[in-house]
Amino acid sequence: MNPTPTLERLRFNMIEQQIRPWDVLDLEILDLLAQIRREDYVPEAHRALAFFDMEIPLEGVSTAWEPGQCMLSPKVEARMLQDLHVKKHETVLEIGAGSGFMAALLAHRAAQVLSLEIDPGLAAFAAANLRRNGVTNVEVRHADGATPLASGPTFDVIVLSGSVARIPQGLLGSLNIGGRLAAVVGDEPMMRAHFVTRTGEGKWDVLQPWDTVAPRLLNFPAPSRFNF
């Protein structure tokens, strides 16, 4: 009889069998994924699925469950984190806190993270997970990320932890010069990761390096793809 694999073995397998093959080769990112305990951010009912190549439902902690509210798969989180090239002095806005795991990863790369979550139950869950794991540079705020941000704060990095039909133009105005926005854009069965860099006033550089599918973020406008 084969012994039950340990959590560390499952974590190792997740990194080596799911994440590396998805071209996540940055050693600092791989080390971070080995250190941050993904299982600590998974709802208790689904804890056994923490290292699987799948999206994990968050219905157990959602105040008003909407189908599709999930943790993104490990390889999508890792690839997005790698391709954003977040630096230690930078500020980050995340739309869709979920369980708080992506915010925890971002927090170890950035100076400060603001994570918005439309569901109050999930906002409380994410904040509790981050607090319990000693992550002090993340603020989780119960708010609708699809609502235009009040004028004022701008960010070096904006991450949409879910998919949208098109890039929200309102969020682009909240990027600093040199700032990057990451989102999964399109409709099933095929979506593409978009990385938008603000290169100047009214100037943007867009990369679409890989395909994936991700659950929809709530309240963002549907149809039509975004074109520059």
Protein backbone atom coordinates (compact mmCIF):
# COMPACT_ATOMS: atom_id res chain seq x y z
CA MET A 1 0.00 0.00 0.00
CA ASN A 2 1.34 3.44 -0.93
CA PRO A 3 1.63 5.86 1.99
CA THR A 4 -0.58 8.96 1.96
CA PRO A 5 1.46 11.85 0.51
CA THR A 6 2.35 14.61 2.93
CA LEU A 7 1.25 18.20 2.41
CA GLU A 8 4.82 19.12 1.47
CA ARG A 9 4.92 16.35 -1.12
CA LEU A 10 1.58 17.52 -2.56
CA ARG A 11 2.88 21.11 -2.65
CA PHE A 12 6.08 19.95 -4.37
CA ASN A 13 4.07 17.99 -6.94
CA MET A 14 1.82 20.99 -7.59
CA ILE A 15 4.85 23.13 -8.37
CA GLU A 16 6.73 20.56 -10.43
CA GLN A 17 3.83 18.96 -12.31
CA GLN A 18 1.42 21.87 -12.80
CA ILE A 19 3.22 25.17 -12.42
CA ARG A 20 6.66 24.64 -13.96
CA PRO A 21 5.19 23.04 -17.11
CA TRP A 22 3.15 26.23 -17.55
CA ASP A 23 6.38 28.18 -18.11
CA VAL A 24 6.59 29.52 -14.56
CA LEU A 25 10.37 29.37 -14.23
CA ASP A 26 11.15 32.38 -12.03
CA LEU A 27 12.90 30.83 -9.02
CA GLU A 28 11.66 33.53 -6.66
CA ILE A 29 8.06 32.81 -7.65
CA LEU A 30 8.57 29.07 -7.27
CA ASP A 31 10.18 29.58 -3.85
CA LEU A 32 7.24 31.77 -2.78
CA LEU A 33 4.75 29.11 -3.84
CA ALA A 34 6.68 26.59 -1.75
CA GLN A 35 6.54 28.88 1.30
CA ILE A 36 2.96 30.24 1.24
CA ARG A 37 0.61 27.56 2.56
CA ARG A 38 -2.16 27.44 -0.04
CA GLU A 39 -4.16 25.04 2.11
CA ASP A 40 -4.54 27.79 4.74
CA TYR A 41 -6.63 29.80 2.29
CA VAL A 42 -8.96 27.03 1.13
CA PRO A 43 -12.45 26.60 2.65
CA GLU A 44 -12.41 23.73 5.13
CA ALA A 45 -14.85 21.67 3.04
CA HIS A 46 -12.42 21.70 0.10
CA ARG A 47 -9.08 21.63 1.92
CA ALA A 48 -8.18 18.26 0.37
CA LEU A 49 -8.30 19.93 -3.07
CA ALA A 50 -5.79 22.68 -2.22
CA PHE A 51 -3.07 21.40 -4.57
CA PHE A 52 -5.23 20.11 -7.43
CA ASP A 53 -5.11 21.62 -10.92
CA MET A 54 -8.58 23.13 -10.59
CA GLU A 55 -10.60 26.12 -9.43
CA ILE A 56 -11.83 25.68 -5.85
CA PRO A 57 -15.41 26.81 -5.09
CA LEU A 58 -15.84 29.39 -2.35
CA GLU A 59 -19.54 28.83 -1.72
CA GLY A 60 -18.97 27.63 1.84
CA VAL A 61 -17.99 31.12 3.02
CA SER A 62 -19.89 33.34 0.59
CA THR A 63 -22.67 35.41 2.12
CA ALA A 64 -24.75 35.30 -1.06
CA TRP A 65 -23.29 32.54 -3.21
CA GLU A 66 -22.99 33.33 -6.89
CA PRO A 67 -21.94 30.44 -9.15
CA GLY A 68 -18.37 30.85 -10.34
CA GLN A 69 -16.84 32.42 -7.22
CA CYS A 70 -13.68 30.35 -6.97
CA MET A 71 -10.00 30.37 -6.21
CA LEU A 72 -8.18 30.38 -9.54
CA SER A 73 -6.15 27.30 -10.38
CA PRO A 74 -2.57 27.30 -9.00
CA LYS A 75 -0.93 27.54 -12.42
CA VAL A 76 -2.99 30.60 -13.45
CA GLU A 77 -2.20 32.40 -10.18
CA ALA A 78 1.50 31.59 -10.56
CA ARG A 79 1.77 32.58 -14.21
CA MET A 80 -0.06 35.87 -13.62
CA LEU A 81 2.21 36.66 -10.68
CA GLN A 82 5.33 35.89 -12.72
CA ASP A 83 4.29 37.89 -15.77
CA LEU A 84 3.38 41.00 -13.73
CA HIS A 85 6.97 41.40 -12.41
CA VAL A 86 5.79 43.04 -9.18
CA LYS A 87 8.54 44.94 -7.34
CA LYS A 88 9.02 45.53 -3.63
CA HIS A 89 8.29 49.27 -3.75
CA GLU A 90 5.06 48.94 -5.75
CA THR A 91 1.41 49.27 -4.75
CA VAL A 92 -1.18 46.77 -5.96
CA LEU A 93 -4.95 46.82 -6.45
CA GLU A 94 -6.62 43.41 -6.67
CA ILE A 95 -10.23 43.02 -7.82
CA GLY A 96 -11.73 39.88 -6.31
CA ALA A 97 -10.08 38.94 -3.01
CA GLY A 98 -11.75 35.53 -2.89
CA SER A 99 -9.95 33.52 -0.22
CA GLY A 100 -7.05 35.98 0.07
CA PHE A 101 -4.43 33.63 -1.41
CA MET A 102 -3.54 35.75 -4.45
CA ALA A 103 -3.36 38.81 -2.18
CA ALA A 104 -0.93 36.91 0.06
CA LEU A 105 1.30 36.12 -2.92
CA LEU A 106 1.16 39.73 -4.12
CA ALA A 107 1.89 41.01 -0.60
CA HIS A 108 5.21 39.15 -0.52
CA ARG A 109 6.24 40.85 -3.78
CA ALA A 110 4.87 44.38 -3.20
CA ALA A 111 4.87 47.20 -0.66
CA GLN A 112 1.10 47.38 -0.19
CA VAL A 113 -1.97 45.59 -1.55
CA LEU A 114 -5.59 46.77 -1.58
CA SER A 115 -7.93 43.87 -2.36
CA LEU A 116 -11.59 44.56 -3.15
CA GLU A 117 -14.23 41.88 -2.65
CA ILE A 118 -17.91 42.31 -3.54
CA ASP A 119 -19.13 39.50 -1.25
CA PRO A 120 -18.99 40.48 2.44
CA GLY A 121 -18.59 36.88 3.58
CA LEU A 122 -15.62 36.36 1.30
CA ALA A 123 -14.12 39.71 2.30
CA ALA A 124 -14.23 38.62 5.95
CA PHE A 125 -12.86 35.17 5.08
CA ALA A 126 -9.94 36.62 3.10
CA ALA A 127 -9.10 39.17 5.80
CA ALA A 128 -9.15 36.46 8.49
CA ASN A 129 -6.92 34.16 6.42
CA LEU A 130 -4.38 36.91 5.81
CA ARG A 131 -4.38 38.00 9.45
CA ARG A 132 -3.97 34.42 10.68
CA ASN A 133 -0.99 33.93 8.36
CA GLY A 134 0.74 37.12 9.46
CA VAL A 135 0.25 39.10 6.24
CA THR A 136 0.14 42.72 7.39
CA ASN A 137 0.49 44.74 4.17
CA VAL A 138 -2.90 43.83 2.66
CA GLU A 139 -6.14 45.72 3.20
CA VAL A 140 -9.24 43.72 2.24
CA ARG A 141 -12.16 46.02 1.55
CA HIS A 142 -15.80 45.01 0.97
CA ALA A 143 -16.45 46.87 -2.28
CA ASP A 144 -17.57 46.34 -5.86
CA GLY A 145 -14.47 46.46 -8.03
CA ALA A 146 -16.64 47.12 -11.09
CA THR A 147 -17.65 50.51 -9.66
CA PRO A 148 -15.37 53.33 -10.82
CA LEU A 149 -12.75 54.15 -8.22
CA ALA A 150 -12.94 57.50 -6.51
CA SER A 151 -10.34 59.88 -7.89
CA GLY A 152 -7.22 59.81 -5.82
CA PRO A 153 -5.15 56.67 -5.35
CA THR A 154 -3.32 55.21 -8.30
CA PHE A 155 -1.47 51.91 -8.43
CA ASP A 156 1.59 50.34 -9.97
CA VAL A 157 -0.18 47.02 -10.52
CA ILE A 158 -3.85 46.09 -10.95
CA VAL A 159 -4.86 42.42 -10.93
CA LEU A 160 -8.30 41.10 -11.84
CA SER A 161 -8.62 37.72 -10.12
CA GLY A 162 -11.25 36.47 -12.52
CA SER A 163 -12.32 37.06 -16.10
CA VAL A 164 -14.04 39.98 -17.85
CA ALA A 165 -15.53 40.32 -21.31
CA ARG A 166 -13.33 43.35 -21.99
CA ILE A 167 -10.69 45.40 -20.18
CA PRO A 168 -12.42 47.91 -17.86
CA GLN A 169 -11.22 51.26 -19.18
CA GLY A 170 -11.97 52.96 -15.88
CA LEU A 171 -9.32 50.87 -14.16
CA LEU A 172 -6.70 51.82 -16.72
CA GLY A 173 -6.89 55.41 -15.50
CA SER A 174 -5.89 54.21 -12.03
CA LEU A 175 -2.52 52.98 -13.27
CA ASN A 176 0.65 54.95 -12.70
CA ILE A 177 2.95 55.52 -15.66
CA GLY A 178 4.80 52.23 -16.05
CA GLY A 179 2.00 50.44 -14.24
CA ARG A 180 0.61 47.10 -15.38
CA LEU A 181 -2.90 45.64 -15.39
CA ALA A 182 -3.51 41.89 -15.69
CA ALA A 183 -6.84 40.34 -16.61
CA VAL A 184 -8.25 37.26 -18.27
CA VAL A 185 -10.39 38.57 -21.14
CA GLY A 186 -12.93 37.00 -23.46
CA ASP A 187 -15.66 34.39 -23.48
CA GLU A 188 -15.71 30.64 -23.04
CA PRO A 189 -14.43 28.35 -24.39
CA MET A 190 -11.34 30.48 -25.06
CA MET A 191 -10.04 33.48 -23.14
CA ARG A 192 -6.65 35.18 -23.17
CA ALA A 193 -4.53 36.73 -20.46
CA HIS A 194 -4.04 40.44 -21.16
CA PHE A 195 -1.18 42.46 -19.67
CA VAL A 196 -1.62 46.18 -20.27
CA THR A 197 1.28 48.55 -19.47
CA ARG A 198 0.73 52.29 -19.26
CA THR A 199 3.73 53.71 -21.12
CA GLY A 200 2.68 57.37 -21.06
CA GLU A 201 -0.31 59.70 -21.09
CA GLY A 202 -2.84 57.92 -23.27
CA LYS A 203 -0.24 55.35 -24.34
CA TRP A 204 -0.54 51.63 -23.71
CA ASP A 205 1.34 48.46 -24.54
CA VAL A 206 -0.68 45.24 -24.61
CA LEU A 207 0.56 41.65 -24.46
CA GLN A 208 -1.66 38.56 -24.72
CA PRO A 209 0.82 35.77 -23.97
CA TRP A 210 -1.34 32.77 -23.03
CA ASP A 211 -4.80 31.23 -23.14
CA THR A 212 -6.89 30.09 -20.21
CA VAL A 213 -10.45 30.14 -18.89
CA ALA A 214 -11.45 31.77 -15.59
CA PRO A 215 -14.73 32.45 -13.76
CA ARG A 216 -16.41 35.80 -14.40
CA LEU A 217 -15.99 38.68 -12.00
CA LEU A 218 -19.38 40.04 -10.99
CA ASN A 219 -20.92 43.27 -12.35
CA PHE A 220 -18.40 44.01 -15.09
CA PRO A 221 -20.09 44.83 -18.41
CA ALA A 222 -20.53 41.94 -20.81
CA PRO A 223 -20.32 41.53 -24.61
CA SER A 224 -17.81 42.93 -27.07
CA ARG A 225 -14.08 42.50 -26.75
CA PHE A 226 -11.87 45.42 -25.83
CA ASN A 227 -9.81 46.96 -28.61
CA PHE A 228 -7.21 49.72 -28.35
